[in-house]
Amino acid sequence: MFSICTNPALLPDWQWFACYLTTGTHFAFYRSFLVVILLLAVVAPLALAMGMAGALALRSRFAPVTLLGRGYVNLVRGVPDIVFFLFVPIALGQGIEWVLHHLYCPDWDQPIRQGNDFIVCREARMPPVGASAWARNVYAFTMAAIAFSLVFGAFIANTLHGAMQAVPRAQVETAEAYGMTRGQAFRRIVMPQMWVFALPGLSNIWQILIKSTPLLFLLGIQDAVFWARELGGAKTSLFAYPHPDWRVWYFMALLLFYLFLTWLSERGFTALNRRLSRGQSTAEGERLRKAAA
């Protein structure tokens, strides 16, 4: 990056580190932290939407919908997360290729399944043959976001369903006695109050989601863990910037990054809980009323 970096072997220590920390691979390492934040920003609303859909399915009076919701929640919660993180991108990717194969290659006369191989025509491959590195990264990131949303959506569904059940039934019955429909009572009585009961569980799920982001490495995405391992490993004189094993320092940077994220999240959920508890008949709501008196 700097003109002084032409011959790193001749640089004093501080200039050597300035050149070392501004190489292209290090900028990829810095960008990988943004990838983690982007994943959280994308997955959080998707998982919350899937969780709400799952909770409403569990609450439904229509048996097939209820069974579908229970199947989704119990299946995901009963299988190790890493299995879903690896299975969903593969299954979804092959499903997309299967559909594209039948659209683009209707004259294909060979079976798609050939032993353990899944073979489709060139036009149906995903990501497309010859796609740029950027397109491949976007495809991998999209698959990862879907996998994360499916897994954490199931946990959110269970949490939201429990929060809905925690709202006193007498309030719903009173609303219905005043002429509200079941849907109106849910929107006006249950929905505003359930978040207070759901927030502790949602905060735990959010923290687990943060801690699960290093699994991006298993999905073929060059995340912060990948670059910390690659850059921190011992480099011989064959490299422009030889150094001993510095992985402890790189992983220390990851430790500080994740601790900062969890600390910031905890403060945010504390403020949100205080905001939602105002006027509610909960311990926090009572404390706020007494403090305001």
C-alpha atoms as a PDB file:
ATOM      1  CA  MET A   1       0.000   0.000   0.000  1.00  0.00           C
ATOM      2  CA  PHE A   2       2.843   2.400   0.834  1.00  0.00           C
ATOM      3  CA  SER A   3       5.817   3.200  -1.376  1.00  0.00           C
ATOM      4  CA  ILE A   4       8.186   2.151   1.410  1.00  0.00           C
ATOM      5  CA  CYS A   5       6.857  -1.416   1.259  1.00  0.00           C
ATOM      6  CA  THR A   6       8.813  -2.382  -1.856  1.00  0.00           C
ATOM      7  CA  ASN A   7      11.413  -4.329   0.120  1.00  0.00           C
ATOM      8  CA  PRO A   8      10.028  -5.317   3.552  1.00  0.00           C
ATOM      9  CA  ALA A   9      13.309  -6.947   4.624  1.00  0.00           C
ATOM     10  CA  LEU A  10      14.998  -3.535   4.831  1.00  0.00           C
ATOM     11  CA  LEU A  11      12.314  -1.824   6.913  1.00  0.00           C
ATOM     12  CA  PRO A  12      12.567  -0.977  10.631  1.00  0.00           C
ATOM     13  CA  ASP A  13      10.017  -2.576  12.948  1.00  0.00           C
ATOM     14  CA  TRP A  14       7.279   0.077  12.933  1.00  0.00           C
ATOM     15  CA  GLN A  15       7.373   0.492   9.150  1.00  0.00           C
ATOM     16  CA  TRP A  16       7.480  -3.288   8.712  1.00  0.00           C
ATOM     17  CA  PHE A  17       4.283  -3.642  10.747  1.00  0.00           C
ATOM     18  CA  ALA A  18       2.638  -0.745   8.893  1.00  0.00           C
ATOM     19  CA  CYS A  19       3.303  -2.502   5.603  1.00  0.00           C
ATOM     20  CA  TYR A  20       2.399  -5.936   6.991  1.00  0.00           C
ATOM     21  CA  LEU A  21      -0.980  -4.796   8.344  1.00  0.00           C
ATOM     22  CA  THR A  22      -1.980  -3.087   5.079  1.00  0.00           C
ATOM     23  CA  THR A  23      -1.467  -5.978   2.673  1.00  0.00           C
ATOM     24  CA  GLY A  24      -4.330  -7.196   0.517  1.00  0.00           C
ATOM     25  CA  THR A  25      -4.852 -10.287   2.666  1.00  0.00           C
ATOM     26  CA  HIS A  26      -5.131  -8.158   5.787  1.00  0.00           C
ATOM     27  CA  PHE A  27      -7.753  -5.970   4.158  1.00  0.00           C
ATOM     28  CA  ALA A  28      -9.645  -9.187   3.398  1.00  0.00           C
ATOM     29  CA  PHE A  29      -9.309 -10.007   7.118  1.00  0.00           C
ATOM     30  CA  TYR A  30     -10.723  -6.594   8.051  1.00  0.00           C
ATOM     31  CA  ARG A  31     -13.616  -6.993   5.589  1.00  0.00           C
ATOM     32  CA  SER A  32     -14.441 -10.375   7.104  1.00  0.00           C
ATOM     33  CA  PHE A  33     -15.603  -8.598  10.277  1.00  0.00           C
ATOM     34  CA  LEU A  34     -18.091  -6.689   8.136  1.00  0.00           C
ATOM     35  CA  VAL A  35     -19.281 -10.025   6.712  1.00  0.00           C
ATOM     36  CA  VAL A  36     -20.107 -11.178  10.262  1.00  0.00           C
ATOM     37  CA  ILE A  37     -22.047  -7.985  10.968  1.00  0.00           C
ATOM     38  CA  LEU A  38     -23.843  -8.247   7.623  1.00  0.00           C
ATOM     39  CA  LEU A  39     -24.824 -11.843   8.368  1.00  0.00           C
ATOM     40  CA  LEU A  40     -26.290 -10.797  11.721  1.00  0.00           C
ATOM     41  CA  ALA A  41     -28.160  -7.910  10.092  1.00  0.00           C
ATOM     42  CA  VAL A  42     -29.657 -10.222   7.442  1.00  0.00           C
ATOM     43  CA  VAL A  43     -30.361 -13.282   9.584  1.00  0.00           C
ATOM     44  CA  ALA A  44     -31.960 -11.473  12.547  1.00  0.00           C
ATOM     45  CA  PRO A  45     -35.079 -10.204  10.718  1.00  0.00           C
ATOM     46  CA  LEU A  46     -35.357 -13.376   8.613  1.00  0.00           C
ATOM     47  CA  ALA A  47     -35.151 -15.638  11.664  1.00  0.00           C
ATOM     48  CA  LEU A  48     -37.606 -13.427  13.561  1.00  0.00           C
ATOM     49  CA  ALA A  49     -40.074 -13.618  10.672  1.00  0.00           C
ATOM     50  CA  MET A  50     -39.723 -17.409  10.473  1.00  0.00           C
ATOM     51  CA  GLY A  51     -40.035 -17.623  14.240  1.00  0.00           C
ATOM     52  CA  MET A  52     -43.230 -15.590  14.216  1.00  0.00           C
ATOM     53  CA  ALA A  53     -44.639 -17.775  11.439  1.00  0.00           C
ATOM     54  CA  GLY A  54     -43.695 -20.896  13.402  1.00  0.00           C
ATOM     55  CA  ALA A  55     -45.238 -19.535  16.618  1.00  0.00           C
ATOM     56  CA  LEU A  56     -48.479 -18.666  14.818  1.00  0.00           C
ATOM     57  CA  ALA A  57     -48.513 -22.163  13.324  1.00  0.00           C
ATOM     58  CA  LEU A  58     -48.148 -23.670  16.799  1.00  0.00           C
ATOM     59  CA  ARG A  59     -51.005 -21.475  17.972  1.00  0.00           C
ATOM     60  CA  SER A  60     -53.257 -22.300  15.006  1.00  0.00           C
ATOM     61  CA  ARG A  61     -56.463 -24.234  15.503  1.00  0.00           C
ATOM     62  CA  PHE A  62     -56.092 -25.859  12.079  1.00  0.00           C
ATOM     63  CA  ALA A  63     -54.495 -29.254  12.777  1.00  0.00           C
ATOM     64  CA  PRO A  64     -52.314 -29.550   9.606  1.00  0.00           C
ATOM     65  CA  VAL A  65     -50.825 -26.098  10.238  1.00  0.00           C
ATOM     66  CA  THR A  66     -50.190 -26.955  13.883  1.00  0.00           C
ATOM     67  CA  LEU A  67     -48.497 -30.221  12.928  1.00  0.00           C
ATOM     68  CA  LEU A  68     -46.359 -28.389  10.382  1.00  0.00           C
ATOM     69  CA  GLY A  69     -45.257 -25.889  13.013  1.00  0.00           C
ATOM     70  CA  ARG A  70     -44.501 -28.606  15.558  1.00  0.00           C
ATOM     71  CA  GLY A  71     -42.599 -30.636  12.981  1.00  0.00           C
ATOM     72  CA  TYR A  72     -40.450 -27.664  12.017  1.00  0.00           C
ATOM     73  CA  VAL A  73     -39.656 -26.649  15.591  1.00  0.00           C
ATOM     74  CA  ASN A  74     -39.029 -30.152  16.925  1.00  0.00           C
ATOM     75  CA  LEU A  75     -36.987 -31.253  13.907  1.00  0.00           C
ATOM     76  CA  VAL A  76     -34.616 -28.299  14.023  1.00  0.00           C
ATOM     77  CA  ARG A  77     -34.295 -28.300  17.810  1.00  0.00           C
ATOM     78  CA  GLY A  78     -33.665 -32.042  17.849  1.00  0.00           C
ATOM     79  CA  VAL A  79     -30.840 -32.062  15.305  1.00  0.00           C
ATOM     80  CA  PRO A  80     -27.373 -30.591  15.964  1.00  0.00           C
ATOM     81  CA  ASP A  81     -27.095 -27.119  14.466  1.00  0.00           C
ATOM     82  CA  ILE A  82     -23.979 -27.941  12.486  1.00  0.00           C
ATOM     83  CA  VAL A  83     -25.890 -30.678  10.626  1.00  0.00           C
ATOM     84  CA  PHE A  84     -28.416 -28.126   9.387  1.00  0.00           C
ATOM     85  CA  PHE A  85     -25.708 -25.603   8.559  1.00  0.00           C
ATOM     86  CA  LEU A  86     -24.101 -28.193   6.292  1.00  0.00           C
ATOM     87  CA  PHE A  87     -27.269 -29.896   5.018  1.00  0.00           C
ATOM     88  CA  VAL A  88     -29.399 -26.875   4.040  1.00  0.00           C
ATOM     89  CA  PRO A  89     -26.949 -25.290   1.552  1.00  0.00           C
ATOM     90  CA  ILE A  90     -26.322 -28.658  -0.102  1.00  0.00           C
ATOM     91  CA  ALA A  91     -29.982 -29.674  -0.277  1.00  0.00           C
ATOM     92  CA  LEU A  92     -31.197 -26.241  -1.352  1.00  0.00           C
ATOM     93  CA  GLY A  93     -28.426 -25.893  -3.925  1.00  0.00           C
ATOM     94  CA  GLN A  94     -29.190 -29.271  -5.448  1.00  0.00           C
ATOM     95  CA  GLY A  95     -32.901 -28.450  -5.458  1.00  0.00           C
ATOM     96  CA  ILE A  96     -32.250 -25.252  -7.419  1.00  0.00           C
ATOM     97  CA  GLU A  97     -30.001 -27.120  -9.855  1.00  0.00           C
ATOM     98  CA  TRP A  98     -32.627 -29.842 -10.302  1.00  0.00           C
ATOM     99  CA  VAL A  99     -35.265 -27.249 -11.270  1.00  0.00           C
ATOM    100  CA  LEU A 100     -32.898 -25.381 -13.602  1.00  0.00           C
ATOM    101  CA  HIS A 101     -31.789 -28.664 -15.148  1.00  0.00           C
ATOM    102  CA  HIS A 102     -35.354 -29.514 -16.184  1.00  0.00           C
ATOM    103  CA  LEU A 103     -35.901 -25.978 -17.485  1.00  0.00           C
ATOM    104  CA  TYR A 104     -32.697 -25.568 -19.491  1.00  0.00           C
ATOM    105  CA  CYS A 105     -31.939 -29.154 -20.471  1.00  0.00           C
ATOM    106  CA  PRO A 106     -35.235 -30.967 -21.169  1.00  0.00           C
ATOM    107  CA  ASP A 107     -33.523 -33.286 -23.670  1.00  0.00           C
ATOM    108  CA  TRP A 108     -31.030 -34.635 -21.117  1.00  0.00           C
ATOM    109  CA  ASP A 109     -31.200 -38.437 -21.343  1.00  0.00           C
ATOM    110  CA  GLN A 110     -28.983 -39.406 -18.378  1.00  0.00           C
ATOM    111  CA  PRO A 111     -30.049 -39.765 -14.742  1.00  0.00           C
ATOM    112  CA  ILE A 112     -29.197 -36.871 -12.453  1.00  0.00           C
ATOM    113  CA  ARG A 113     -28.370 -39.226  -9.631  1.00  0.00           C
ATOM    114  CA  GLN A 114     -25.475 -41.448 -10.671  1.00  0.00           C
ATOM    115  CA  GLY A 115     -24.387 -43.333  -7.601  1.00  0.00           C
ATOM    116  CA  ASN A 116     -23.204 -40.765  -5.069  1.00  0.00           C
ATOM    117  CA  ASP A 117     -22.851 -38.066  -7.738  1.00  0.00           C
ATOM    118  CA  PHE A 118     -25.386 -35.352  -8.513  1.00  0.00           C
ATOM    119  CA  ILE A 119     -24.850 -34.438 -12.164  1.00  0.00           C
ATOM    120  CA  VAL A 120     -26.732 -31.709 -14.024  1.00  0.00           C
ATOM    121  CA  CYS A 121     -26.047 -29.975 -17.295  1.00  0.00           C
ATOM    122  CA  ARG A 122     -23.620 -27.078 -17.470  1.00  0.00           C
ATOM    123  CA  GLU A 123     -26.354 -24.450 -17.779  1.00  0.00           C
ATOM    124  CA  ALA A 124     -28.021 -25.564 -14.518  1.00  0.00           C
ATOM    125  CA  ARG A 125     -25.012 -25.414 -12.221  1.00  0.00           C
ATOM    126  CA  MET A 126     -25.116 -23.045  -9.285  1.00  0.00           C
ATOM    127  CA  PRO A 127     -23.284 -20.817  -9.012  1.00  0.00           C
ATOM    128  CA  PRO A 128     -23.036 -20.601 -12.810  1.00  0.00           C
ATOM    129  CA  VAL A 129     -19.904 -21.881 -14.502  1.00  0.00           C
ATOM    130  CA  GLY A 130     -17.525 -18.983 -15.040  1.00  0.00           C
ATOM    131  CA  ALA A 131     -19.173 -16.813 -12.380  1.00  0.00           C
ATOM    132  CA  SER A 132     -16.990 -14.179 -10.782  1.00  0.00           C
ATOM    133  CA  ALA A 133     -15.584 -14.594  -7.303  1.00  0.00           C
ATOM    134  CA  TRP A 134     -17.997 -11.904  -6.106  1.00  0.00           C
ATOM    135  CA  ALA A 135     -21.013 -13.839  -7.452  1.00  0.00           C
ATOM    136  CA  ARG A 136     -19.777 -17.056  -5.823  1.00  0.00           C
ATOM    137  CA  ASN A 137     -19.360 -15.288  -2.501  1.00  0.00           C
ATOM    138  CA  VAL A 138     -22.865 -13.819  -2.719  1.00  0.00           C
ATOM    139  CA  TYR A 139     -24.302 -17.264  -3.491  1.00  0.00           C
ATOM    140  CA  ALA A 140     -22.467 -18.866  -0.557  1.00  0.00           C
ATOM    141  CA  PHE A 141     -23.514 -16.033   1.763  1.00  0.00           C
ATOM    142  CA  THR A 142     -27.164 -16.362   0.703  1.00  0.00           C
ATOM    143  CA  MET A 143     -27.136 -20.097   1.404  1.00  0.00           C
ATOM    144  CA  ALA A 144     -25.534 -19.473   4.777  1.00  0.00           C
ATOM    145  CA  ALA A 145     -28.125 -16.829   5.668  1.00  0.00           C
ATOM    146  CA  ILE A 146     -30.973 -19.221   4.792  1.00  0.00           C
ATOM    147  CA  ALA A 147     -29.425 -21.998   6.886  1.00  0.00           C
ATOM    148  CA  PHE A 148     -28.943 -19.711   9.886  1.00  0.00           C
ATOM    149  CA  SER A 149     -32.482 -18.338   9.546  1.00  0.00           C
ATOM    150  CA  LEU A 150     -34.014 -21.807   9.464  1.00  0.00           C
ATOM    151  CA  VAL A 151     -32.129 -22.962  12.551  1.00  0.00           C
ATOM    152  CA  PHE A 152     -32.620 -19.902  14.714  1.00  0.00           C
ATOM    153  CA  GLY A 153     -36.153 -19.360  13.453  1.00  0.00           C
ATOM    154  CA  ALA A 154     -37.156 -22.621  15.138  1.00  0.00           C
ATOM    155  CA  PHE A 155     -35.759 -21.513  18.490  1.00  0.00           C
ATOM    156  CA  ILE A 156     -37.430 -18.125  18.138  1.00  0.00           C
ATOM    157  CA  ALA A 157     -40.744 -19.827  17.299  1.00  0.00           C
ATOM    158  CA  ASN A 158     -40.600 -21.822  20.515  1.00  0.00           C
ATOM    159  CA  THR A 159     -39.727 -18.706  22.517  1.00  0.00           C
ATOM    160  CA  LEU A 160     -42.478 -16.578  20.992  1.00  0.00           C
ATOM    161  CA  HIS A 161     -45.066 -19.322  21.433  1.00  0.00           C
ATOM    162  CA  GLY A 162     -44.184 -19.564  25.122  1.00  0.00           C
ATOM    163  CA  ALA A 163     -44.435 -15.781  25.436  1.00  0.00           C
ATOM    164  CA  MET A 164     -47.875 -15.808  23.824  1.00  0.00           C
ATOM    165  CA  GLN A 165     -49.006 -18.442  26.284  1.00  0.00           C
ATOM    166  CA  ALA A 166     -47.654 -16.337  29.174  1.00  0.00           C
ATOM    167  CA  VAL A 167     -50.048 -13.474  28.478  1.00  0.00           C
ATOM    168  CA  PRO A 168     -52.945 -13.908  30.973  1.00  0.00           C
ATOM    169  CA  ARG A 169     -55.818 -15.698  29.311  1.00  0.00           C
ATOM    170  CA  ALA A 170     -58.312 -13.594  31.287  1.00  0.00           C
ATOM    171  CA  GLN A 171     -57.262 -10.491  29.345  1.00  0.00           C
ATOM    172  CA  VAL A 172     -57.994 -12.192  26.028  1.00  0.00           C
ATOM    173  CA  GLU A 173     -61.353 -13.430  27.284  1.00  0.00           C
ATOM    174  CA  THR A 174     -62.221  -9.925  28.472  1.00  0.00           C
ATOM    175  CA  ALA A 175     -61.323  -8.473  25.070  1.00  0.00           C
ATOM    176  CA  GLU A 176     -63.494 -11.060  23.331  1.00  0.00           C
ATOM    177  CA  ALA A 177     -66.318 -10.313  25.765  1.00  0.00           C
ATOM    178  CA  TYR A 178     -66.162  -6.684  24.644  1.00  0.00           C
ATOM    179  CA  GLY A 179     -66.717  -7.805  21.050  1.00  0.00           C
ATOM    180  CA  MET A 180     -63.205  -8.236  19.706  1.00  0.00           C
ATOM    181  CA  THR A 181     -62.560 -11.099  17.335  1.00  0.00           C
ATOM    182  CA  ARG A 182     -59.842 -13.615  18.121  1.00  0.00           C
ATOM    183  CA  GLY A 183     -57.529 -11.903  15.642  1.00  0.00           C
ATOM    184  CA  GLN A 184     -58.195  -8.445  17.092  1.00  0.00           C
ATOM    185  CA  ALA A 185     -57.551  -9.690  20.625  1.00  0.00           C
ATOM    186  CA  PHE A 186     -54.289 -11.200  19.476  1.00  0.00           C
ATOM    187  CA  ARG A 187     -53.117  -8.014  17.771  1.00  0.00           C
ATOM    188  CA  ARG A 188     -54.220  -5.610  20.499  1.00  0.00           C
ATOM    189  CA  ILE A 189     -53.742  -7.653  23.684  1.00  0.00           C
ATOM    190  CA  VAL A 190     -51.340 -10.539  23.125  1.00  0.00           C
ATOM    191  CA  MET A 191     -48.861  -9.003  20.678  1.00  0.00           C
ATOM    192  CA  PRO A 192     -48.021  -5.857  22.677  1.00  0.00           C
ATOM    193  CA  GLN A 193     -47.454  -7.817  25.891  1.00  0.00           C
ATOM    194  CA  MET A 194     -45.758 -10.973  24.664  1.00  0.00           C
ATOM    195  CA  TRP A 195     -42.505  -9.180  23.792  1.00  0.00           C
ATOM    196  CA  VAL A 196     -41.834  -8.513  27.458  1.00  0.00           C
ATOM    197  CA  PHE A 197     -41.981 -12.244  28.179  1.00  0.00           C
ATOM    198  CA  ALA A 198     -40.090 -13.177  25.002  1.00  0.00           C
ATOM    199  CA  LEU A 199     -37.243 -10.684  25.317  1.00  0.00           C
ATOM    200  CA  PRO A 200     -35.030 -12.687  27.740  1.00  0.00           C
ATOM    201  CA  GLY A 201     -35.229 -15.737  25.483  1.00  0.00           C
ATOM    202  CA  LEU A 202     -34.677 -13.675  22.348  1.00  0.00           C
ATOM    203  CA  SER A 203     -31.602 -12.041  23.871  1.00  0.00           C
ATOM    204  CA  ASN A 204     -30.128 -15.482  24.592  1.00  0.00           C
ATOM    205  CA  ILE A 205     -30.829 -16.636  21.035  1.00  0.00           C
ATOM    206  CA  TRP A 206     -29.204 -13.464  19.672  1.00  0.00           C
ATOM    207  CA  GLN A 207     -26.066 -14.096  21.733  1.00  0.00           C
ATOM    208  CA  ILE A 208     -25.939 -17.701  20.498  1.00  0.00           C
ATOM    209  CA  LEU A 209     -26.351 -16.443  16.930  1.00  0.00           C
ATOM    210  CA  ILE A 210     -23.347 -14.154  17.413  1.00  0.00           C
ATOM    211  CA  LYS A 211     -21.281 -17.048  18.730  1.00  0.00           C
ATOM    212  CA  SER A 212     -22.360 -19.249  15.817  1.00  0.00           C
ATOM    213  CA  THR A 213     -21.090 -16.928  13.075  1.00  0.00           C
ATOM    214  CA  PRO A 214     -17.639 -18.612  12.981  1.00  0.00           C
ATOM    215  CA  LEU A 215     -19.443 -21.573  11.403  1.00  0.00           C
ATOM    216  CA  LEU A 216     -19.372 -19.552   8.185  1.00  0.00           C
ATOM    217  CA  PHE A 217     -15.935 -21.075   7.758  1.00  0.00           C
ATOM    218  CA  LEU A 218     -17.551 -24.505   7.361  1.00  0.00           C
ATOM    219  CA  LEU A 219     -19.795 -23.184   4.586  1.00  0.00           C
ATOM    220  CA  GLY A 220     -16.910 -22.118   2.381  1.00  0.00           C
ATOM    221  CA  ILE A 221     -16.965 -18.425   3.307  1.00  0.00           C
ATOM    222  CA  GLN A 222     -13.640 -16.802   4.144  1.00  0.00           C
ATOM    223  CA  ASP A 223     -14.711 -15.318   7.446  1.00  0.00           C
ATOM    224  CA  ALA A 224     -12.689 -13.794  10.275  1.00  0.00           C
ATOM    225  CA  VAL A 225     -11.777 -17.205  11.736  1.00  0.00           C
ATOM    226  CA  PHE A 226     -10.427 -18.371   8.381  1.00  0.00           C
ATOM    227  CA  TRP A 227      -8.221 -15.304   7.959  1.00  0.00           C
ATOM    228  CA  ALA A 228      -7.059 -15.346  11.585  1.00  0.00           C
ATOM    229  CA  ARG A 229      -5.850 -18.902  11.123  1.00  0.00           C
ATOM    230  CA  GLU A 230      -4.273 -18.214   7.738  1.00  0.00           C
ATOM    231  CA  LEU A 231      -2.545 -14.960   8.628  1.00  0.00           C
ATOM    232  CA  GLY A 232      -1.530 -15.966  12.126  1.00  0.00           C
ATOM    233  CA  GLY A 233       0.172 -19.220  11.138  1.00  0.00           C
ATOM    234  CA  ALA A 234       3.970 -19.303  10.964  1.00  0.00           C
ATOM    235  CA  LYS A 235       5.427 -17.866   7.743  1.00  0.00           C
ATOM    236  CA  THR A 236       8.900 -18.785   6.491  1.00  0.00           C
ATOM    237  CA  SER A 237      11.382 -16.672   4.553  1.00  0.00           C
ATOM    238  CA  LEU A 238       9.541 -17.692   1.375  1.00  0.00           C
ATOM    239  CA  PHE A 239       6.950 -15.049   2.260  1.00  0.00           C
ATOM    240  CA  ALA A 240       7.371 -11.298   1.941  1.00  0.00           C
ATOM    241  CA  TYR A 241       6.554 -10.876   5.633  1.00  0.00           C
ATOM    242  CA  PRO A 242       7.979 -13.905   7.481  1.00  0.00           C
ATOM    243  CA  HIS A 243       6.980 -14.283  11.131  1.00  0.00           C
ATOM    244  CA  PRO A 244       6.545 -16.991  13.802  1.00  0.00           C
ATOM    245  CA  ASP A 245       3.197 -18.389  14.917  1.00  0.00           C
ATOM    246  CA  TRP A 246       1.063 -15.321  15.746  1.00  0.00           C
ATOM    247  CA  ARG A 247      -2.324 -17.034  15.823  1.00  0.00           C
ATOM    248  CA  VAL A 248      -2.792 -16.211  19.503  1.00  0.00           C
ATOM    249  CA  TRP A 249      -2.780 -12.489  18.659  1.00  0.00           C
ATOM    250  CA  TYR A 250      -5.165 -12.852  15.758  1.00  0.00           C
ATOM    251  CA  PHE A 251      -7.573 -14.925  17.800  1.00  0.00           C
ATOM    252  CA  MET A 252      -7.218 -12.404  20.617  1.00  0.00           C
ATOM    253  CA  ALA A 253      -8.495  -9.782  18.162  1.00  0.00           C
ATOM    254  CA  LEU A 254     -11.466 -12.075  17.404  1.00  0.00           C
ATOM    255  CA  LEU A 255     -12.073 -12.495  21.135  1.00  0.00           C
ATOM    256  CA  LEU A 256     -12.210  -8.727  21.658  1.00  0.00           C
ATOM    257  CA  PHE A 257     -14.478  -8.299  18.623  1.00  0.00           C
ATOM    258  CA  TYR A 258     -17.022 -10.868  19.834  1.00  0.00           C
ATOM    259  CA  LEU A 259     -16.872  -9.591  23.411  1.00  0.00           C
ATOM    260  CA  PHE A 260     -17.613  -6.097  22.132  1.00  0.00           C
ATOM    261  CA  LEU A 261     -20.564  -7.388  20.088  1.00  0.00           C
ATOM    262  CA  THR A 262     -22.035  -9.263  23.058  1.00  0.00           C
ATOM    263  CA  TRP A 263     -21.469  -6.289  25.396  1.00  0.00           C
ATOM    264  CA  LEU A 264     -23.170  -3.924  22.951  1.00  0.00           C
ATOM    265  CA  SER A 265     -26.032  -6.398  22.464  1.00  0.00           C
ATOM    266  CA  GLU A 266     -26.546  -6.745  26.202  1.00  0.00           C
ATOM    267  CA  ARG A 267     -26.836  -2.991  26.611  1.00  0.00           C
ATOM    268  CA  GLY A 268     -29.261  -2.816  23.704  1.00  0.00           C
ATOM    269  CA  PHE A 269     -31.521  -5.555  25.072  1.00  0.00           C
ATOM    270  CA  THR A 270     -31.459  -3.959  28.532  1.00  0.00           C
ATOM    271  CA  ALA A 271     -32.654  -0.662  27.075  1.00  0.00           C
ATOM    272  CA  LEU A 272     -35.282  -2.436  24.968  1.00  0.00           C
ATOM    273  CA  ASN A 273     -36.552  -4.399  27.951  1.00  0.00           C
ATOM    274  CA  ARG A 274     -36.868  -1.179  29.944  1.00  0.00           C
ATOM    275  CA  ARG A 275     -38.792   0.445  27.099  1.00  0.00           C
ATOM    276  CA  LEU A 276     -41.201  -2.478  26.619  1.00  0.00           C
ATOM    277  CA  SER A 277     -41.788  -2.935  30.362  1.00  0.00           C
ATOM    278  CA  ARG A 278     -43.305   0.506  30.845  1.00  0.00           C
ATOM    279  CA  GLY A 279     -46.930   0.143  31.874  1.00  0.00           C
ATOM    280  CA  GLN A 280     -46.714  -3.674  32.003  1.00  0.00           C
ATOM    281  CA  SER A 281     -47.671  -5.760  35.054  1.00  0.00           C
ATOM    282  CA  THR A 282     -44.215  -7.297  35.393  1.00  0.00           C
ATOM    283  CA  ALA A 283     -41.443  -6.970  37.959  1.00  0.00           C
ATOM    284  CA  GLU A 284     -39.568  -4.535  35.728  1.00  0.00           C
ATOM    285  CA  GLY A 285     -42.760  -2.587  35.049  1.00  0.00           C
ATOM    286  CA  GLU A 286     -43.436  -2.281  38.785  1.00  0.00           C
ATOM    287  CA  ARG A 287     -39.873  -1.101  39.370  1.00  0.00           C
ATOM    288  CA  LEU A 288     -40.229   1.589  36.702  1.00  0.00           C
ATOM    289  CA  ARG A 289     -43.536   2.757  38.178  1.00  0.00           C
ATOM    290  CA  LYS A 290     -42.020   3.055  41.641  1.00  0.00           C
ATOM    291  CA  ALA A 291     -38.989   4.899  40.284  1.00  0.00           C
ATOM    292  CA  ALA A 292     -41.226   7.394  38.476  1.00  0.00           C
ATOM    293  CA  ALA A 293     -43.417   7.971  41.536  1.00  0.00           C
END
